[in-house]
Every structure is written in C-alpha cells, then in structure tokens.
Amino acid sequence: MSANVRIPTILRTYTDGAAEVSAEGATLQEVITDLERNHPGIAARILDEAGKLRRFVNVYVNDDDVRFAEGLATEVKAGAGVSIIPAVAGGC
C-alpha cells in the first residue's frame, strides 16, 4: 500500500526539502520503516529509543490521530494521507 506522507518543515532536511513523499506499508509502523529506508535518520525524529512515537510528535492517518486508534499498528490503506506534526510549545 502506498501512502502520501506530509513532512513538516523541520524534518525536510531528511527528504531533500520535499514537503510530501510516498511510502509503502499496510500499517503506520511499516510506513515509518519505509520512510527510514528511503530517508535515513527520519525515524529517529518520529520514534523514541523504545520504538514508540515520541511524546511531542503527533501522527494522523487521514484525519485520525493514531494515539486514539491503534498507534503504530494503525492501518494505512492505499492512497491514505499520513501527517507528521511536531507539537509546538511556547509562551509569553
């Protein structure tokens, strides 16, 4: 299954500046594995040392937050949109 993965600006150094890339996989884990295969180093920015989603990185498959779905086991259908969104914090 091929998914369209939207890459945030901060991670585009791994995708040669591309804002969107294609990745293969039937689950989010497989999509991230394929991303890493084609764009080395990107997975370490999405996953922590234990292989889980980083606390301050939100990932959506289509419009569904994977934290409220199946996490890394979330199904990714052909043509799905995957959005990686780093949390932004700040204050006054």
Protein backbone atom coordinates (compact mmCIF):
# COMPACT_ATOMS: atom_id res chain seq x y z
CA MET A 1 0.00 0.00 0.00
CA SER A 2 1.35 3.42 -0.88
CA ALA A 3 0.64 6.40 1.35
CA ASN A 4 1.31 10.09 0.89
CA VAL A 5 3.30 11.32 3.88
CA ARG A 6 3.28 15.03 4.66
CA ILE A 7 6.62 16.08 6.10
CA PRO A 8 6.86 19.06 8.48
CA THR A 9 9.40 21.76 7.66
CA ILE A 10 11.72 20.72 10.49
CA LEU A 11 12.11 17.20 9.02
CA ARG A 12 12.50 18.17 5.36
CA THR A 13 16.29 18.04 5.62
CA TYR A 14 15.82 14.25 5.54
CA THR A 15 13.65 14.37 2.39
CA ASP A 16 15.81 16.79 0.37
CA GLY A 17 13.28 19.53 1.04
CA ALA A 18 10.23 17.58 -0.12
CA ALA A 19 7.03 18.52 1.73
CA GLU A 20 5.38 15.24 0.74
CA VAL A 21 6.83 11.83 -0.02
CA SER A 22 5.41 8.43 -0.82
CA ALA A 23 5.93 5.47 1.50
CA GLU A 24 4.85 1.84 1.40
CA GLY A 25 3.21 -0.11 4.19
CA ALA A 26 -0.04 -1.59 5.45
CA THR A 27 0.48 -0.15 8.95
CA LEU A 28 1.97 3.06 10.29
CA GLN A 29 4.98 1.07 11.57
CA GLU A 30 5.62 -0.25 8.06
CA VAL A 31 5.24 3.24 6.58
CA ILE A 32 7.80 4.64 9.04
CA THR A 33 10.16 1.73 8.28
CA ASP A 34 9.88 2.52 4.55
CA LEU A 35 10.43 6.22 5.25
CA GLU A 36 13.62 5.35 7.12
CA ARG A 37 14.78 3.09 4.29
CA ASN A 38 14.37 5.92 1.76
CA HIS A 39 15.22 8.86 4.04
CA PRO A 40 17.78 7.68 6.63
CA GLY A 41 17.57 9.37 10.01
CA ILE A 42 13.93 10.44 9.85
CA ALA A 43 12.60 7.60 12.02
CA ALA A 44 14.73 8.71 14.98
CA ARG A 45 12.86 12.03 14.91
CA ILE A 46 9.46 10.29 14.95
CA LEU A 47 10.16 7.33 17.26
CA ASP A 48 11.91 7.28 20.63
CA GLU A 49 14.65 4.87 21.73
CA ALA A 50 11.99 2.26 22.65
CA GLY A 51 10.49 2.42 19.15
CA LYS A 52 7.34 4.25 20.26
CA LEU A 53 6.01 7.53 18.92
CA ARG A 54 7.80 10.45 20.50
CA ARG A 55 5.72 12.25 23.08
CA PHE A 56 5.68 15.55 21.22
CA VAL A 57 5.10 14.20 17.72
CA ASN A 58 1.51 13.78 16.55
CA VAL A 59 0.76 11.49 13.64
CA TYR A 60 -2.51 11.32 11.74
CA VAL A 61 -3.66 8.77 9.20
CA ASN A 62 -6.13 10.71 7.12
CA ASP A 63 -7.86 12.73 9.87
CA ASP A 64 -7.44 10.19 12.67
CA ASP A 65 -4.92 10.75 15.46
CA VAL A 66 -3.12 7.40 15.74
CA ARG A 67 -2.84 7.78 19.53
CA PHE A 68 -6.61 7.27 19.66
CA ALA A 69 -6.53 4.49 17.08
CA GLU A 70 -4.06 1.60 17.08
CA GLY A 71 -0.84 3.59 17.41
CA LEU A 72 1.90 2.18 15.21
CA ALA A 73 -0.41 -0.70 14.28
CA THR A 74 -2.91 1.72 12.70
CA GLU A 75 -3.94 0.50 9.26
CA VAL A 76 -2.77 2.59 6.32
CA LYS A 77 -4.86 1.99 3.22
CA ALA A 78 -3.63 2.66 -0.30
CA GLY A 79 -3.70 6.37 -1.04
CA ALA A 80 -4.04 7.36 2.61
CA GLY A 81 -2.59 10.61 3.83
CA VAL A 82 -0.18 10.43 6.74
CA SER A 83 0.64 13.69 8.51
CA ILE A 84 3.56 14.06 10.90
CA ILE A 85 3.05 17.08 13.12
CA PRO A 86 5.58 18.05 15.78
CA ALA A 87 3.97 19.72 18.75
CA VAL A 88 4.73 23.39 19.11
CA ALA A 89 5.12 24.87 22.55
CA GLY A 90 5.69 28.40 23.60
CA GLY A 91 4.61 31.08 25.93
CA CYS A 92 4.58 34.74 26.60
